[in-house]
Amino acid sequence: MGLSWMAWTWPTAAFFAFIFLCLVGMGIWEKYSPGGNPRKGILTLETTRGDRLFITLLGSAFIFLGWLGLVGTPLWGAIIISLIYGYAVFRWV
């Protein structure tokens, strides 16, 4: 089964699969551990787990775009920066 009918590459498909798995994982997490009660973090915004996931995904997209614009490929550095950023968002935002 190829992805040529949508003109997708495998990295593009992996990207969307990752976002899908994040959403499924958050749904499972919320089902078994409810309590996405808002909390105030360093930005003084009240955020839930879903809000923090959205902030992480959006920020990671900008990190990747910036990396591509300034450095180019390979993207291993952007992945590492995004993982650190995601950890920081879930920990302190």
PDB file of N, CA and C in Angstrom:
ATOM      1  N   MET A   1       0.850  -1.175   0.000  1.00  0.00           N
ATOM      2  CA  MET A   1       0.000   0.000   0.000  1.00  0.00           C
ATOM      3  C   MET A   1       0.896   1.238   0.000  1.00  0.00           C
ATOM      4  N   GLY A   2       0.794   2.025  -0.989  1.00  0.00           N
ATOM      5  CA  GLY A   2       1.590   3.232  -1.072  1.00  0.00           C
ATOM      6  C   GLY A   2       0.771   4.461  -0.739  1.00  0.00           C
ATOM      7  N   LEU A   3       1.460   5.523  -0.533  1.00  0.00           N
ATOM      8  CA  LEU A   3       0.786   6.784  -0.232  1.00  0.00           C
ATOM      9  C   LEU A   3       0.823   7.734  -1.421  1.00  0.00           C
ATOM     10  N   SER A   4       1.116   7.221  -2.609  1.00  0.00           N
ATOM     11  CA  SER A   4       1.263   8.074  -3.775  1.00  0.00           C
ATOM     12  C   SER A   4      -0.060   8.707  -4.214  1.00  0.00           C
ATOM     13  N   TRP A   5      -1.184   8.107  -3.871  1.00  0.00           N
ATOM     14  CA  TRP A   5      -2.469   8.668  -4.273  1.00  0.00           C
ATOM     15  C   TRP A   5      -2.732  10.020  -3.605  1.00  0.00           C
ATOM     16  N   MET A   6      -2.059  10.310  -2.509  1.00  0.00           N
ATOM     17  CA  MET A   6      -2.204  11.606  -1.849  1.00  0.00           C
ATOM     18  C   MET A   6      -0.952  12.453  -1.971  1.00  0.00           C
ATOM     19  N   ALA A   7       0.027  11.965  -2.684  1.00  0.00           N
ATOM     20  CA  ALA A   7       1.303  12.664  -2.848  1.00  0.00           C
ATOM     21  C   ALA A   7       1.973  12.901  -1.495  1.00  0.00           C
ATOM     22  N   TRP A   8       1.780  11.964  -0.568  1.00  0.00           N
ATOM     23  CA  TRP A   8       2.422  12.039   0.734  1.00  0.00           C
ATOM     24  C   TRP A   8       3.737  11.292   0.698  1.00  0.00           C
ATOM     25  N   THR A   9       4.618  11.726   1.550  1.00  0.00           N
ATOM     26  CA  THR A   9       5.844  10.971   1.772  1.00  0.00           C
ATOM     27  C   THR A   9       5.675  10.203   3.083  1.00  0.00           C
ATOM     28  N   TRP A  10       6.566   9.257   3.329  1.00  0.00           N
ATOM     29  CA  TRP A  10       6.482   8.499   4.584  1.00  0.00           C
ATOM     30  C   TRP A  10       6.692   9.386   5.803  1.00  0.00           C
ATOM     31  N   PRO A  11       7.605  10.359   5.775  1.00  0.00           N
ATOM     32  CA  PRO A  11       7.722  11.238   6.939  1.00  0.00           C
ATOM     33  C   PRO A  11       6.448  12.040   7.207  1.00  0.00           C
ATOM     34  N   THR A  12       5.745  12.449   6.145  1.00  0.00           N
ATOM     35  CA  THR A  12       4.484  13.169   6.335  1.00  0.00           C
ATOM     36  C   THR A  12       3.454  12.264   6.994  1.00  0.00           C
ATOM     37  N   ALA A  13       3.356  11.038   6.518  1.00  0.00           N
ATOM     38  CA  ALA A  13       2.420  10.084   7.115  1.00  0.00           C
ATOM     39  C   ALA A  13       2.787   9.796   8.563  1.00  0.00           C
ATOM     40  N   ALA A  14       4.072   9.674   8.852  1.00  0.00           N
ATOM     41  CA  ALA A  14       4.509   9.430  10.231  1.00  0.00           C
ATOM     42  C   ALA A  14       4.151  10.605  11.126  1.00  0.00           C
ATOM     43  N   PHE A  15       4.279  11.817  10.607  1.00  0.00           N
ATOM     44  CA  PHE A  15       3.929  13.017  11.369  1.00  0.00           C
ATOM     45  C   PHE A  15       2.454  12.995  11.770  1.00  0.00           C
ATOM     46  N   PHE A  16       1.584  12.731  10.803  1.00  0.00           N
ATOM     47  CA  PHE A  16       0.157  12.700  11.117  1.00  0.00           C
ATOM     48  C   PHE A  16      -0.206  11.503  11.990  1.00  0.00           C
ATOM     49  N   ALA A  17       0.473  10.398  11.816  1.00  0.00           N
ATOM     50  CA  ALA A  17       0.244   9.246  12.694  1.00  0.00           C
ATOM     51  C   ALA A  17       0.647   9.587  14.128  1.00  0.00           C
ATOM     52  N   PHE A  18       1.743  10.321  14.292  1.00  0.00           N
ATOM     53  CA  PHE A  18       2.177  10.727  15.621  1.00  0.00           C
ATOM     54  C   PHE A  18       1.143  11.631  16.282  1.00  0.00           C
ATOM     55  N   ILE A  19       0.607  12.588  15.548  1.00  0.00           N
ATOM     56  CA  ILE A  19      -0.418  13.472  16.116  1.00  0.00           C
ATOM     57  C   ILE A  19      -1.649  12.652  16.501  1.00  0.00           C
ATOM     58  N   PHE A  20      -2.051  11.717  15.651  1.00  0.00           N
ATOM     59  CA  PHE A  20      -3.183  10.865  15.962  1.00  0.00           C
ATOM     60  C   PHE A  20      -2.930  10.056  17.229  1.00  0.00           C
ATOM     61  N   LEU A  21      -1.732   9.487  17.347  1.00  0.00           N
ATOM     62  CA  LEU A  21      -1.395   8.708  18.539  1.00  0.00           C
ATOM     63  C   LEU A  21      -1.349   9.583  19.793  1.00  0.00           C
ATOM     64  N   CYS A  22      -0.908  10.827  19.657  1.00  0.00           N
ATOM     65  CA  CYS A  22      -0.939  11.749  20.800  1.00  0.00           C
ATOM     66  C   CYS A  22      -2.369  11.976  21.269  1.00  0.00           C
ATOM     67  N   LEU A  23      -3.276  12.190  20.322  1.00  0.00           N
ATOM     68  CA  LEU A  23      -4.670  12.419  20.690  1.00  0.00           C
ATOM     69  C   LEU A  23      -5.294  11.175  21.328  1.00  0.00           C
ATOM     70  N   VAL A  24      -5.011  10.014  20.778  1.00  0.00           N
ATOM     71  CA  VAL A  24      -5.521   8.768  21.358  1.00  0.00           C
ATOM     72  C   VAL A  24      -4.935   8.566  22.753  1.00  0.00           C
ATOM     73  N   GLY A  25      -3.635   8.808  22.894  1.00  0.00           N
ATOM     74  CA  GLY A  25      -2.986   8.674  24.196  1.00  0.00           C
ATOM     75  C   GLY A  25      -3.575   9.622  25.233  1.00  0.00           C
ATOM     76  N   MET A  26      -3.859  10.858  24.825  1.00  0.00           N
ATOM     77  CA  MET A  26      -4.471  11.805  25.760  1.00  0.00           C
ATOM     78  C   MET A  26      -5.877  11.357  26.141  1.00  0.00           C
ATOM     79  N   GLY A  27      -6.614  10.787  25.187  1.00  0.00           N
ATOM     80  CA  GLY A  27      -7.952  10.290  25.496  1.00  0.00           C
ATOM     81  C   GLY A  27      -7.911   9.141  26.486  1.00  0.00           C
ATOM     82  N   ILE A  28      -6.980   8.217  26.285  1.00  0.00           N
ATOM     83  CA  ILE A  28      -6.826   7.089  27.210  1.00  0.00           C
ATOM     84  C   ILE A  28      -6.391   7.582  28.584  1.00  0.00           C
ATOM     85  N   TRP A  29      -5.446   8.519  28.608  1.00  0.00           N
ATOM     86  CA  TRP A  29      -4.970   9.084  29.874  1.00  0.00           C
ATOM     87  C   TRP A  29      -6.138   9.731  30.627  1.00  0.00           C
ATOM     88  N   GLU A  30      -6.970  10.488  29.921  1.00  0.00           N
ATOM     89  CA  GLU A  30      -8.094  11.159  30.565  1.00  0.00           C
ATOM     90  C   GLU A  30      -9.136  10.149  31.041  1.00  0.00           C
ATOM     91  N   LYS A  31      -9.312   9.053  30.304  1.00  0.00           N
ATOM     92  CA  LYS A  31     -10.295   8.042  30.724  1.00  0.00           C
ATOM     93  C   LYS A  31      -9.865   7.354  32.011  1.00  0.00           C
ATOM     94  N   TYR A  32      -8.605   6.985  32.101  1.00  0.00           N
ATOM     95  CA  TYR A  32      -8.134   6.240  33.274  1.00  0.00           C
ATOM     96  C   TYR A  32      -7.655   7.124  34.408  1.00  0.00           C
ATOM     97  N   SER A  33      -7.366   8.359  34.123  1.00  0.00           N
ATOM     98  CA  SER A  33      -6.946   9.289  35.167  1.00  0.00           C
ATOM     99  C   SER A  33      -7.602  10.642  34.924  1.00  0.00           C
ATOM    100  N   PRO A  34      -8.924  10.710  35.178  1.00  0.00           N
ATOM    101  CA  PRO A  34      -9.609  11.981  34.937  1.00  0.00           C
ATOM    102  C   PRO A  34      -9.066  13.058  35.874  1.00  0.00           C
ATOM    103  N   GLY A  35      -9.245  14.239  35.479  1.00  0.00           N
ATOM    104  CA  GLY A  35      -8.789  15.324  36.337  1.00  0.00           C
ATOM    105  C   GLY A  35      -7.894  16.277  35.601  1.00  0.00           C
ATOM    106  N   GLY A  36      -8.271  16.597  34.393  1.00  0.00           N
ATOM    107  CA  GLY A  36      -7.508  17.606  33.686  1.00  0.00           C
ATOM    108  C   GLY A  36      -7.881  18.982  34.196  1.00  0.00           C
ATOM    109  N   ASN A  37      -7.940  19.089  35.523  1.00  0.00           N
ATOM    110  CA  ASN A  37      -8.294  20.371  36.115  1.00  0.00           C
ATOM    111  C   ASN A  37      -7.303  21.440  35.692  1.00  0.00           C
ATOM    112  N   PRO A  38      -7.817  22.615  35.383  1.00  0.00           N
ATOM    113  CA  PRO A  38      -6.900  23.689  34.983  1.00  0.00           C
ATOM    114  C   PRO A  38      -5.915  24.015  36.098  1.00  0.00           C
ATOM    115  N   ARG A  39      -4.716  24.360  35.692  1.00  0.00           N
ATOM    116  CA  ARG A  39      -3.716  24.810  36.661  1.00  0.00           C
ATOM    117  C   ARG A  39      -2.978  26.000  36.067  1.00  0.00           C
ATOM    118  N   LYS A  40      -2.488  26.835  36.956  1.00  0.00           N
ATOM    119  CA  LYS A  40      -1.736  28.013  36.521  1.00  0.00           C
ATOM    120  C   LYS A  40      -0.262  27.679  36.524  1.00  0.00           C
ATOM    121  N   GLY A  41       0.385  28.030  35.439  1.00  0.00           N
ATOM    122  CA  GLY A  41       1.802  27.758  35.326  1.00  0.00           C
ATOM    123  C   GLY A  41       2.599  29.036  35.200  1.00  0.00           C
ATOM    124  N   ILE A  42       3.740  28.928  34.594  1.00  0.00           N
ATOM    125  CA  ILE A  42       4.662  30.043  34.470  1.00  0.00           C
ATOM    126  C   ILE A  42       4.099  31.169  33.613  1.00  0.00           C
ATOM    127  N   LEU A  43       3.216  30.833  32.670  1.00  0.00           N
ATOM    128  CA  LEU A  43       2.616  31.861  31.815  1.00  0.00           C
ATOM    129  C   LEU A  43       1.386  32.495  32.442  1.00  0.00           C
ATOM    130  N   THR A  44       1.027  32.079  33.630  1.00  0.00           N
ATOM    131  CA  THR A  44      -0.158  32.522  34.374  1.00  0.00           C
ATOM    132  C   THR A  44      -1.451  32.282  33.610  1.00  0.00           C
ATOM    133  N   LEU A  45      -1.445  31.320  32.700  1.00  0.00           N
ATOM    134  CA  LEU A  45      -2.653  30.892  32.020  1.00  0.00           C
ATOM    135  C   LEU A  45      -3.173  29.655  32.717  1.00  0.00           C
ATOM    136  N   GLU A  46      -4.488  29.519  32.771  1.00  0.00           N
ATOM    137  CA  GLU A  46      -5.061  28.286  33.286  1.00  0.00           C
ATOM    138  C   GLU A  46      -5.139  27.309  32.120  1.00  0.00           C
ATOM    139  N   THR A  47      -4.397  26.216  32.209  1.00  0.00           N
ATOM    140  CA  THR A  47      -4.356  25.242  31.114  1.00  0.00           C
ATOM    141  C   THR A  47      -4.693  23.855  31.627  1.00  0.00           C
ATOM    142  N   THR A  48      -5.347  23.089  30.759  1.00  0.00           N
ATOM    143  CA  THR A  48      -5.606  21.682  31.032  1.00  0.00           C
ATOM    144  C   THR A  48      -4.578  20.860  30.261  1.00  0.00           C
ATOM    145  N   ARG A  49      -4.637  19.535  30.416  1.00  0.00           N
ATOM    146  CA  ARG A  49      -3.701  18.673  29.686  1.00  0.00           C
ATOM    147  C   ARG A  49      -3.860  18.844  28.180  1.00  0.00           C
ATOM    148  N   GLY A  50      -5.093  18.949  27.713  1.00  0.00           N
ATOM    149  CA  GLY A  50      -5.342  19.136  26.287  1.00  0.00           C
ATOM    150  C   GLY A  50      -4.767  20.448  25.775  1.00  0.00           C
ATOM    151  N   ASP A  51      -4.905  21.509  26.579  1.00  0.00           N
ATOM    152  CA  ASP A  51      -4.315  22.799  26.206  1.00  0.00           C
ATOM    153  C   ASP A  51      -2.805  22.691  26.096  1.00  0.00           C
ATOM    154  N   ARG A  52      -2.203  22.001  27.057  1.00  0.00           N
ATOM    155  CA  ARG A  52      -0.744  21.865  27.036  1.00  0.00           C
ATOM    156  C   ARG A  52      -0.282  21.020  25.846  1.00  0.00           C
ATOM    157  N   LEU A  53      -1.070  20.006  25.469  1.00  0.00           N
ATOM    158  CA  LEU A  53      -0.731  19.224  24.273  1.00  0.00           C
ATOM    159  C   LEU A  53      -0.790  20.103  23.036  1.00  0.00           C
ATOM    160  N   PHE A  54      -1.827  20.926  22.920  1.00  0.00           N
ATOM    161  CA  PHE A  54      -1.955  21.824  21.774  1.00  0.00           C
ATOM    162  C   PHE A  54      -0.791  22.808  21.721  1.00  0.00           C
ATOM    163  N   ILE A  55      -0.449  23.407  22.860  1.00  0.00           N
ATOM    164  CA  ILE A  55       0.680  24.346  22.914  1.00  0.00           C
ATOM    165  C   ILE A  55       1.971  23.640  22.514  1.00  0.00           C
ATOM    166  N   THR A  56       2.142  22.399  22.964  1.00  0.00           N
ATOM    167  CA  THR A  56       3.344  21.636  22.617  1.00  0.00           C
ATOM    168  C   THR A  56       3.406  21.349  21.125  1.00  0.00           C
ATOM    169  N   LEU A  57       2.310  20.897  20.526  1.00  0.00           N
ATOM    170  CA  LEU A  57       2.304  20.575  19.102  1.00  0.00           C
ATOM    171  C   LEU A  57       2.516  21.827  18.256  1.00  0.00           C
ATOM    172  N   LEU A  58       1.869  22.916  18.630  1.00  0.00           N
ATOM    173  CA  LEU A  58       2.027  24.155  17.876  1.00  0.00           C
ATOM    174  C   LEU A  58       3.451  24.689  17.984  1.00  0.00           C
ATOM    175  N   GLY A  59       3.988  24.708  19.191  1.00  0.00           N
ATOM    176  CA  GLY A  59       5.359  25.170  19.377  1.00  0.00           C
ATOM    177  C   GLY A  59       6.369  24.290  18.670  1.00  0.00           C
ATOM    178  N   SER A  60       6.136  22.983  18.683  1.00  0.00           N
ATOM    179  CA  SER A  60       7.047  22.066  17.997  1.00  0.00           C
ATOM    180  C   SER A  60       7.022  22.290  16.488  1.00  0.00           C
ATOM    181  N   ALA A  61       5.844  22.597  15.949  1.00  0.00           N
ATOM    182  CA  ALA A  61       5.771  22.901  14.512  1.00  0.00           C
ATOM    183  C   ALA A  61       6.637  24.106  14.178  1.00  0.00           C
ATOM    184  N   PHE A  62       6.593  25.137  15.014  1.00  0.00           N
ATOM    185  CA  PHE A  62       7.432  26.317  14.778  1.00  0.00           C
ATOM    186  C   PHE A  62       8.916  26.006  14.959  1.00  0.00           C
ATOM    187  N   ILE A  63       9.234  25.146  15.914  1.00  0.00           N
ATOM    188  CA  ILE A  63      10.633  24.740  16.091  1.00  0.00           C
ATOM    189  C   ILE A  63      11.138  24.039  14.835  1.00  0.00           C
ATOM    190  N   PHE A  64      10.335  23.131  14.295  1.00  0.00           N
ATOM    191  CA  PHE A  64      10.737  22.417  13.083  1.00  0.00           C
ATOM    192  C   PHE A  64      10.862  23.360  11.887  1.00  0.00           C
ATOM    193  N   LEU A  65       9.919  24.282  11.740  1.00  0.00           N
ATOM    194  CA  LEU A  65      10.005  25.235  10.627  1.00  0.00           C
ATOM    195  C   LEU A  65      11.236  26.121  10.760  1.00  0.00           C
ATOM    196  N   GLY A  66      11.506  26.579  11.969  1.00  0.00           N
ATOM    197  CA  GLY A  66      12.705  27.384  12.195  1.00  0.00           C
ATOM    198  C   GLY A  66      13.973  26.604  11.908  1.00  0.00           C
ATOM    199  N   TRP A  67      13.989  25.351  12.332  1.00  0.00           N
ATOM    200  CA  TRP A  67      15.159  24.504  12.090  1.00  0.00           C
ATOM    201  C   TRP A  67      15.380  24.315  10.590  1.00  0.00           C
ATOM    202  N   LEU A  68      14.303  24.023   9.874  1.00  0.00           N
ATOM    203  CA  LEU A  68      14.421  23.839   8.428  1.00  0.00           C
ATOM    204  C   LEU A  68      14.902  25.114   7.743  1.00  0.00           C
ATOM    205  N   GLY A  69      14.410  26.264   8.211  1.00  0.00           N
ATOM    206  CA  GLY A  69      14.805  27.530   7.604  1.00  0.00           C
ATOM    207  C   GLY A  69      16.235  27.927   7.902  1.00  0.00           C
ATOM    208  N   LEU A  70      16.710  27.615   9.099  1.00  0.00           N
ATOM    209  CA  LEU A  70      18.049  28.055   9.509  1.00  0.00           C
ATOM    210  C   LEU A  70      19.131  27.007   9.283  1.00  0.00           C
ATOM    211  N   VAL A  71      18.811  25.735   9.499  1.00  0.00           N
ATOM    212  CA  VAL A  71      19.819  24.680   9.460  1.00  0.00           C
ATOM    213  C   VAL A  71      19.598  23.742   8.281  1.00  0.00           C
ATOM    214  N   GLY A  72      18.352  23.376   8.022  1.00  0.00           N
ATOM    215  CA  GLY A  72      18.046  22.399   6.984  1.00  0.00           C
ATOM    216  C   GLY A  72      17.952  21.009   7.576  1.00  0.00           C
ATOM    217  N   THR A  73      18.209  20.026   6.741  1.00  0.00           N
ATOM    218  CA  THR A  73      18.143  18.651   7.216  1.00  0.00           C
ATOM    219  C   THR A  73      19.514  18.204   7.664  1.00  0.00           C
ATOM    220  N   PRO A  74      19.633  17.210   8.493  1.00  0.00           N
ATOM    221  CA  PRO A  74      18.644  16.348   9.128  1.00  0.00           C
ATOM    222  C   PRO A  74      17.955  17.064  10.290  1.00  0.00           C
ATOM    223  N   LEU A  75      16.861  16.482  10.740  1.00  0.00           N
ATOM    224  CA  LEU A  75      16.009  17.130  11.736  1.00  0.00           C
ATOM    225  C   LEU A  75      16.192  16.599  13.149  1.00  0.00           C
ATOM    226  N   TRP A  76      17.263  15.867  13.414  1.00  0.00           N
ATOM    227  CA  TRP A  76      17.459  15.294  14.755  1.00  0.00           C
ATOM    228  C   TRP A  76      17.552  16.373  15.824  1.00  0.00           C
ATOM    229  N   GLY A  77      18.182  17.470  15.521  1.00  0.00           N
ATOM    230  CA  GLY A  77      18.281  18.558  16.497  1.00  0.00           C
ATOM    231  C   GLY A  77      16.921  19.132  16.830  1.00  0.00           C
ATOM    232  N   ALA A  78      16.076  19.297  15.817  1.00  0.00           N
ATOM    233  CA  ALA A  78      14.730  19.820  16.042  1.00  0.00           C
ATOM    234  C   ALA A  78      13.894  18.857  16.880  1.00  0.00           C
ATOM    235  N   ILE A  79      14.097  17.566  16.669  1.00  0.00           N
ATOM    236  CA  ILE A  79      13.364  16.573  17.470  1.00  0.00           C
ATOM    237  C   ILE A  79      13.766  16.683  18.935  1.00  0.00           C
ATOM    238  N   ILE A  80      15.044  16.790  19.189  1.00  0.00           N
ATOM    239  CA  ILE A  80      15.528  16.894  20.574  1.00  0.00           C
ATOM    240  C   ILE A  80      15.015  18.166  21.227  1.00  0.00           C
ATOM    241  N   ILE A  81      15.095  19.284  20.518  1.00  0.00           N
ATOM    242  CA  ILE A  81      14.605  20.561  21.063  1.00  0.00           C
ATOM    243  C   ILE A  81      13.106  20.470  21.327  1.00  0.00           C
ATOM    244  N   SER A  82      12.357  19.860  20.420  1.00  0.00           N
ATOM    245  CA  SER A  82      10.909  19.737  20.595  1.00  0.00           C
ATOM    246  C   SER A  82      10.549  18.858  21.784  1.00  0.00           C
ATOM    247  N   LEU A  83      11.299  17.789  21.997  1.00  0.00           N
ATOM    248  CA  LEU A  83      11.041  16.935  23.159  1.00  0.00           C
ATOM    249  C   LEU A  83      11.311  17.675  24.462  1.00  0.00           C
ATOM    250  N   ILE A  84      12.378  18.442  24.499  1.00  0.00           N
ATOM    251  CA  ILE A  84      12.676  19.250  25.691  1.00  0.00           C
ATOM    252  C   ILE A  84      11.595  20.305  25.901  1.00  0.00           C
ATOM    253  N   TYR A  85      11.191  20.935  24.812  1.00  0.00           N
ATOM    254  CA  TYR A  85      10.125  21.937  24.871  1.00  0.00           C
ATOM    255  C   TYR A  85       8.819  21.314  25.375  1.00  0.00           C
ATOM    256  N   GLY A  86       8.466  20.139  24.848  1.00  0.00           N
ATOM    257  CA  GLY A  86       7.248  19.461  25.279  1.00  0.00           C
ATOM    258  C   GLY A  86       7.276  19.108  26.750  1.00  0.00           C
ATOM    259  N   TYR A  87       8.426  18.626  27.214  1.00  0.00           N
ATOM    260  CA  TYR A  87       8.558  18.314  28.639  1.00  0.00           C
ATOM    261  C   TYR A  87       8.366  19.578  29.476  1.00  0.00           C
ATOM    262  N   ALA A  88       8.981  20.675  29.044  1.00  0.00           N
ATOM    263  CA  ALA A  88       8.876  21.931  29.792  1.00  0.00           C
ATOM    264  C   ALA A  88       7.434  22.437  29.819  1.00  0.00           C
ATOM    265  N   VAL A  89       6.728  22.312  28.702  1.00  0.00           N
ATOM    266  CA  VAL A  89       5.319  22.770  28.669  1.00  0.00           C
ATOM    267  C   VAL A  89       4.480  21.951  29.626  1.00  0.00           C
ATOM    268  N   PHE A  90       4.620  20.639  29.606  1.00  0.00           N
ATOM    269  CA  PHE A  90       3.801  19.811  30.497  1.00  0.00           C
ATOM    270  C   PHE A  90       4.218  19.946  31.954  1.00  0.00           C
ATOM    271  N   ARG A  91       5.446  20.323  32.196  1.00  0.00           N
ATOM    272  CA  ARG A  91       5.927  20.450  33.572  1.00  0.00           C
ATOM    273  C   ARG A  91       5.595  21.809  34.181  1.00  0.00           C
ATOM    274  N   TRP A  92       5.802  22.886  33.407  1.00  0.00           N
ATOM    275  CA  TRP A  92       5.719  24.224  34.014  1.00  0.00           C
ATOM    276  C   TRP A  92       4.667  25.142  33.446  1.00  0.00           C
ATOM    277  N   VAL A  93       3.993  24.790  32.377  1.00  0.00           N
ATOM    278  CA  VAL A  93       3.006  25.735  31.819  1.00  0.00           C
ATOM    279  C   VAL A  93       1.637  25.402  32.343  1.00  0.00           C
TER     280      VAL A  93
END
